[in-house]
């Protein structure tokens, strides 16, 4: 199983999205964990765009006033989430 953890320092569009997607596809990543997303909303469309596939699940701890934010995305075929615990600064 391949897990990537990356401090993205702001998940704006453009280069960072493309670089993340390229890494996920090239390395055949099973789970991607992004810190400091600075996103107050994450939806299915965003998760699929970052992952590069529609077979994706995700969990997020949203940013507050564009500070912080954690996003974990994983392949549905790699494993199944049984329990989700989200708190201040962690998933």
N, C-alpha and C. Protein backbone atom coordinates (compact mmCIF):
# COMPACT_ATOMS: atom_id res chain seq x y z
N UNK A 1 0.84 -1.18 0.00
CA UNK A 1 0.00 0.00 0.00
C UNK A 1 0.89 1.24 0.00
N UNK A 2 0.56 2.19 -0.87
CA UNK A 2 1.32 3.44 -0.95
C UNK A 2 0.48 4.59 -0.39
N UNK A 3 1.06 5.28 0.59
CA UNK A 3 0.40 6.42 1.22
C UNK A 3 1.32 7.63 1.06
N UNK A 4 0.78 8.73 0.56
CA UNK A 4 1.54 9.97 0.41
C UNK A 4 0.96 11.01 1.36
N UNK A 5 1.83 11.66 2.12
CA UNK A 5 1.45 12.76 3.00
C UNK A 5 2.20 14.00 2.53
N UNK A 6 1.46 15.11 2.31
CA UNK A 6 2.08 16.28 1.70
C UNK A 6 1.49 17.57 2.29
N UNK A 7 2.37 18.48 2.72
CA UNK A 7 1.93 19.80 3.16
C UNK A 7 1.84 20.67 1.92
N UNK A 8 0.63 20.86 1.44
CA UNK A 8 0.38 21.54 0.17
C UNK A 8 0.48 23.06 0.28
N UNK A 9 0.36 23.60 1.51
CA UNK A 9 0.41 25.05 1.78
C UNK A 9 -0.54 25.85 0.90
N UNK A 10 -1.74 25.37 0.82
CA UNK A 10 -2.76 26.06 0.04
C UNK A 10 -3.07 25.30 -1.23
N UNK A 11 -4.28 24.81 -1.32
CA UNK A 11 -4.67 24.00 -2.47
C UNK A 11 -5.41 24.86 -3.47
N UNK A 12 -4.68 25.79 -4.07
CA UNK A 12 -5.25 26.59 -5.14
C UNK A 12 -5.34 25.76 -6.40
N UNK A 13 -5.89 26.30 -7.44
CA UNK A 13 -5.97 25.55 -8.71
C UNK A 13 -4.62 25.64 -9.43
N UNK A 14 -4.59 25.06 -10.62
CA UNK A 14 -3.41 25.18 -11.45
C UNK A 14 -2.32 24.18 -11.15
N UNK A 15 -1.11 24.68 -10.99
CA UNK A 15 0.08 23.84 -10.88
C UNK A 15 -0.02 22.82 -9.76
N UNK A 16 -0.44 23.23 -8.59
CA UNK A 16 -0.49 22.29 -7.46
C UNK A 16 -1.46 21.15 -7.71
N UNK A 17 -2.62 21.44 -8.25
CA UNK A 17 -3.59 20.38 -8.55
C UNK A 17 -2.99 19.40 -9.55
N UNK A 18 -2.38 19.94 -10.60
CA UNK A 18 -1.78 19.10 -11.63
C UNK A 18 -0.65 18.25 -11.08
N UNK A 19 0.18 18.84 -10.23
CA UNK A 19 1.31 18.11 -9.65
C UNK A 19 0.83 16.98 -8.74
N UNK A 20 -0.21 17.24 -7.96
CA UNK A 20 -0.76 16.21 -7.06
C UNK A 20 -1.35 15.07 -7.88
N UNK A 21 -2.15 15.40 -8.87
CA UNK A 21 -2.78 14.38 -9.71
C UNK A 21 -1.72 13.54 -10.42
N UNK A 22 -0.70 14.19 -10.94
CA UNK A 22 0.38 13.49 -11.64
C UNK A 22 1.09 12.51 -10.70
N UNK A 23 1.36 12.94 -9.48
CA UNK A 23 2.01 12.09 -8.49
C UNK A 23 1.15 10.87 -8.15
N UNK A 24 -0.13 11.10 -7.93
CA UNK A 24 -1.05 10.00 -7.58
C UNK A 24 -1.09 8.95 -8.69
N UNK A 25 -1.20 9.40 -9.93
CA UNK A 25 -1.29 8.48 -11.06
C UNK A 25 0.04 7.77 -11.29
N UNK A 26 1.13 8.53 -11.32
CA UNK A 26 2.45 7.96 -11.61
C UNK A 26 2.87 6.91 -10.58
N UNK A 27 2.67 7.22 -9.31
CA UNK A 27 3.12 6.33 -8.23
C UNK A 27 2.07 5.31 -7.79
N UNK A 28 0.90 5.34 -8.44
CA UNK A 28 -0.20 4.43 -8.10
C UNK A 28 -0.50 4.45 -6.60
N UNK A 29 -0.73 5.65 -6.10
CA UNK A 29 -0.97 5.90 -4.68
C UNK A 29 -2.32 5.32 -4.26
N UNK A 30 -2.35 4.71 -3.08
CA UNK A 30 -3.60 4.17 -2.53
C UNK A 30 -4.31 5.18 -1.63
N UNK A 31 -3.53 6.05 -0.97
CA UNK A 31 -4.10 7.07 -0.08
C UNK A 31 -3.24 8.33 -0.14
N UNK A 32 -3.91 9.47 -0.21
CA UNK A 32 -3.24 10.77 -0.27
C UNK A 32 -3.73 11.61 0.90
N UNK A 33 -2.80 12.13 1.70
CA UNK A 33 -3.14 12.99 2.84
C UNK A 33 -2.51 14.36 2.61
N UNK A 34 -3.34 15.38 2.53
CA UNK A 34 -2.86 16.75 2.29
C UNK A 34 -3.11 17.59 3.54
N UNK A 35 -2.08 18.30 3.97
CA UNK A 35 -2.20 19.22 5.09
C UNK A 35 -2.16 20.66 4.58
N UNK A 36 -2.73 21.57 5.36
CA UNK A 36 -2.76 23.00 5.03
C UNK A 36 -3.44 23.24 3.68
N UNK A 37 -4.60 22.62 3.47
CA UNK A 37 -5.31 22.82 2.20
C UNK A 37 -5.85 24.24 2.08
N UNK A 38 -6.15 24.86 3.20
CA UNK A 38 -6.74 26.20 3.26
C UNK A 38 -8.08 26.27 2.53
N UNK A 39 -8.78 25.13 2.49
CA UNK A 39 -10.09 25.05 1.85
C UNK A 39 -11.18 24.96 2.90
N UNK A 40 -12.22 25.78 2.73
CA UNK A 40 -13.36 25.75 3.64
C UNK A 40 -14.46 24.83 3.12
N UNK A 41 -14.26 24.27 1.91
CA UNK A 41 -15.21 23.33 1.34
C UNK A 41 -14.46 22.36 0.43
N UNK A 42 -14.76 21.07 0.57
CA UNK A 42 -14.22 20.04 -0.32
C UNK A 42 -15.39 19.16 -0.72
N UNK A 43 -15.56 18.95 -2.03
CA UNK A 43 -16.67 18.13 -2.50
C UNK A 43 -16.17 16.98 -3.38
N UNK A 44 -17.11 16.22 -3.88
CA UNK A 44 -16.78 15.05 -4.70
C UNK A 44 -16.02 15.46 -5.96
N UNK A 45 -16.44 16.53 -6.60
CA UNK A 45 -15.79 16.99 -7.83
C UNK A 45 -14.33 17.32 -7.58
N UNK A 46 -14.04 18.02 -6.50
CA UNK A 46 -12.66 18.38 -6.16
C UNK A 46 -11.84 17.13 -5.86
N UNK A 47 -12.39 16.23 -5.09
CA UNK A 47 -11.68 15.00 -4.73
C UNK A 47 -11.37 14.16 -5.97
N UNK A 48 -12.34 14.04 -6.86
CA UNK A 48 -12.13 13.27 -8.08
C UNK A 48 -11.10 13.94 -8.98
N UNK A 49 -11.11 15.26 -9.05
CA UNK A 49 -10.14 15.98 -9.88
C UNK A 49 -8.72 15.79 -9.36
N UNK A 50 -8.54 15.83 -8.06
CA UNK A 50 -7.21 15.63 -7.47
C UNK A 50 -6.75 14.18 -7.63
N UNK A 51 -7.66 13.25 -7.50
CA UNK A 51 -7.32 11.83 -7.55
C UNK A 51 -7.15 11.34 -8.99
N UNK A 52 -7.93 11.92 -9.92
CA UNK A 52 -7.85 11.52 -11.31
C UNK A 52 -8.73 10.32 -11.64
N UNK A 53 -9.70 10.02 -10.79
CA UNK A 53 -10.57 8.86 -10.99
C UNK A 53 -11.85 9.07 -10.18
N UNK A 54 -12.93 8.47 -10.64
CA UNK A 54 -14.20 8.62 -9.91
C UNK A 54 -14.34 7.61 -8.77
N UNK A 55 -13.50 6.58 -8.74
CA UNK A 55 -13.54 5.56 -7.69
C UNK A 55 -12.75 6.04 -6.47
N UNK A 56 -13.29 7.04 -5.80
CA UNK A 56 -12.55 7.70 -4.72
C UNK A 56 -13.47 8.00 -3.53
N UNK A 57 -12.91 7.92 -2.35
CA UNK A 57 -13.59 8.35 -1.13
C UNK A 57 -12.68 9.37 -0.45
N UNK A 58 -13.23 10.17 0.45
CA UNK A 58 -12.41 11.18 1.11
C UNK A 58 -12.98 11.53 2.48
N UNK A 59 -12.10 12.08 3.31
CA UNK A 59 -12.47 12.64 4.61
C UNK A 59 -11.73 13.96 4.73
N UNK A 60 -12.37 14.92 5.36
CA UNK A 60 -11.73 16.24 5.45
C UNK A 60 -11.98 16.89 6.81
N UNK A 61 -11.02 17.66 7.22
CA UNK A 61 -11.12 18.54 8.37
C UNK A 61 -10.91 19.92 7.77
N UNK A 62 -11.98 20.63 7.55
CA UNK A 62 -11.94 21.87 6.78
C UNK A 62 -11.15 22.98 7.45
N UNK A 63 -10.65 23.88 6.62
CA UNK A 63 -9.94 25.06 7.10
C UNK A 63 -10.93 26.01 7.76
N UNK A 64 -10.43 26.82 8.67
CA UNK A 64 -11.23 27.85 9.31
C UNK A 64 -10.62 29.19 8.92
N UNK A 65 -11.43 30.02 8.22
CA UNK A 65 -10.93 31.31 7.73
C UNK A 65 -9.64 31.14 6.94
N UNK A 66 -9.63 30.17 6.05
CA UNK A 66 -8.48 29.88 5.17
C UNK A 66 -7.22 29.50 5.93
N UNK A 67 -7.35 28.97 7.13
CA UNK A 67 -6.19 28.50 7.89
C UNK A 67 -6.36 27.01 8.18
N UNK A 68 -5.32 26.25 7.93
CA UNK A 68 -5.33 24.82 8.20
C UNK A 68 -6.04 24.05 7.10
N UNK A 69 -6.65 22.98 7.48
CA UNK A 69 -7.37 22.12 6.54
C UNK A 69 -6.59 20.86 6.24
N UNK A 70 -7.25 19.72 6.39
CA UNK A 70 -6.66 18.42 6.10
C UNK A 70 -7.61 17.67 5.18
N UNK A 71 -7.04 17.00 4.19
CA UNK A 71 -7.83 16.21 3.26
C UNK A 71 -7.16 14.86 3.04
N UNK A 72 -7.90 13.80 3.26
CA UNK A 72 -7.42 12.44 2.97
C UNK A 72 -8.30 11.87 1.87
N UNK A 73 -7.67 11.39 0.81
CA UNK A 73 -8.37 10.80 -0.33
C UNK A 73 -7.80 9.40 -0.53
N UNK A 74 -8.68 8.44 -0.82
CA UNK A 74 -8.18 7.09 -1.05
C UNK A 74 -8.99 6.38 -2.12
N UNK A 75 -8.37 5.36 -2.66
CA UNK A 75 -9.00 4.52 -3.67
C UNK A 75 -10.01 3.59 -3.01
N UNK A 76 -11.20 3.54 -3.55
CA UNK A 76 -12.24 2.64 -3.01
C UNK A 76 -11.82 1.18 -3.10
N UNK A 77 -10.98 0.87 -4.08
CA UNK A 77 -10.56 -0.52 -4.26
C UNK A 77 -9.43 -0.92 -3.31
N UNK A 78 -8.79 0.05 -2.66
CA UNK A 78 -7.66 -0.24 -1.76
C UNK A 78 -8.11 -0.68 -0.38
N UNK A 79 -9.10 0.03 0.17
CA UNK A 79 -9.62 -0.34 1.48
C UNK A 79 -10.95 0.35 1.74
N UNK A 80 -11.64 -0.11 2.77
CA UNK A 80 -12.95 0.42 3.13
C UNK A 80 -12.86 1.08 4.50
N UNK A 81 -13.36 2.30 4.59
CA UNK A 81 -13.37 3.03 5.85
C UNK A 81 -14.41 2.41 6.78
N UNK A 82 -13.99 2.05 7.97
CA UNK A 82 -14.91 1.49 8.95
C UNK A 82 -15.32 2.51 10.00
N UNK A 83 -14.40 3.40 10.37
CA UNK A 83 -14.69 4.41 11.37
C UNK A 83 -13.89 5.67 11.06
N UNK A 84 -14.52 6.79 11.24
CA UNK A 84 -13.89 8.09 10.97
C UNK A 84 -13.90 8.91 12.25
N UNK A 85 -12.73 9.39 12.64
CA UNK A 85 -12.60 10.26 13.81
C UNK A 85 -11.93 11.54 13.35
N UNK A 86 -12.63 12.65 13.50
CA UNK A 86 -12.11 13.94 13.08
C UNK A 86 -12.13 14.87 14.27
N UNK A 87 -11.01 15.55 14.50
CA UNK A 87 -10.91 16.49 15.61
C UNK A 87 -10.08 17.69 15.21
N UNK A 88 -9.75 18.51 16.15
CA UNK A 88 -8.98 19.71 15.89
C UNK A 88 -7.57 19.35 15.43
N UNK A 89 -7.33 19.48 14.14
CA UNK A 89 -6.00 19.23 13.59
C UNK A 89 -5.70 17.80 13.22
N UNK A 90 -6.73 16.93 13.20
CA UNK A 90 -6.46 15.55 12.79
C UNK A 90 -7.69 14.89 12.17
N UNK A 91 -7.40 13.86 11.40
CA UNK A 91 -8.44 12.96 10.87
C UNK A 91 -8.05 11.57 11.32
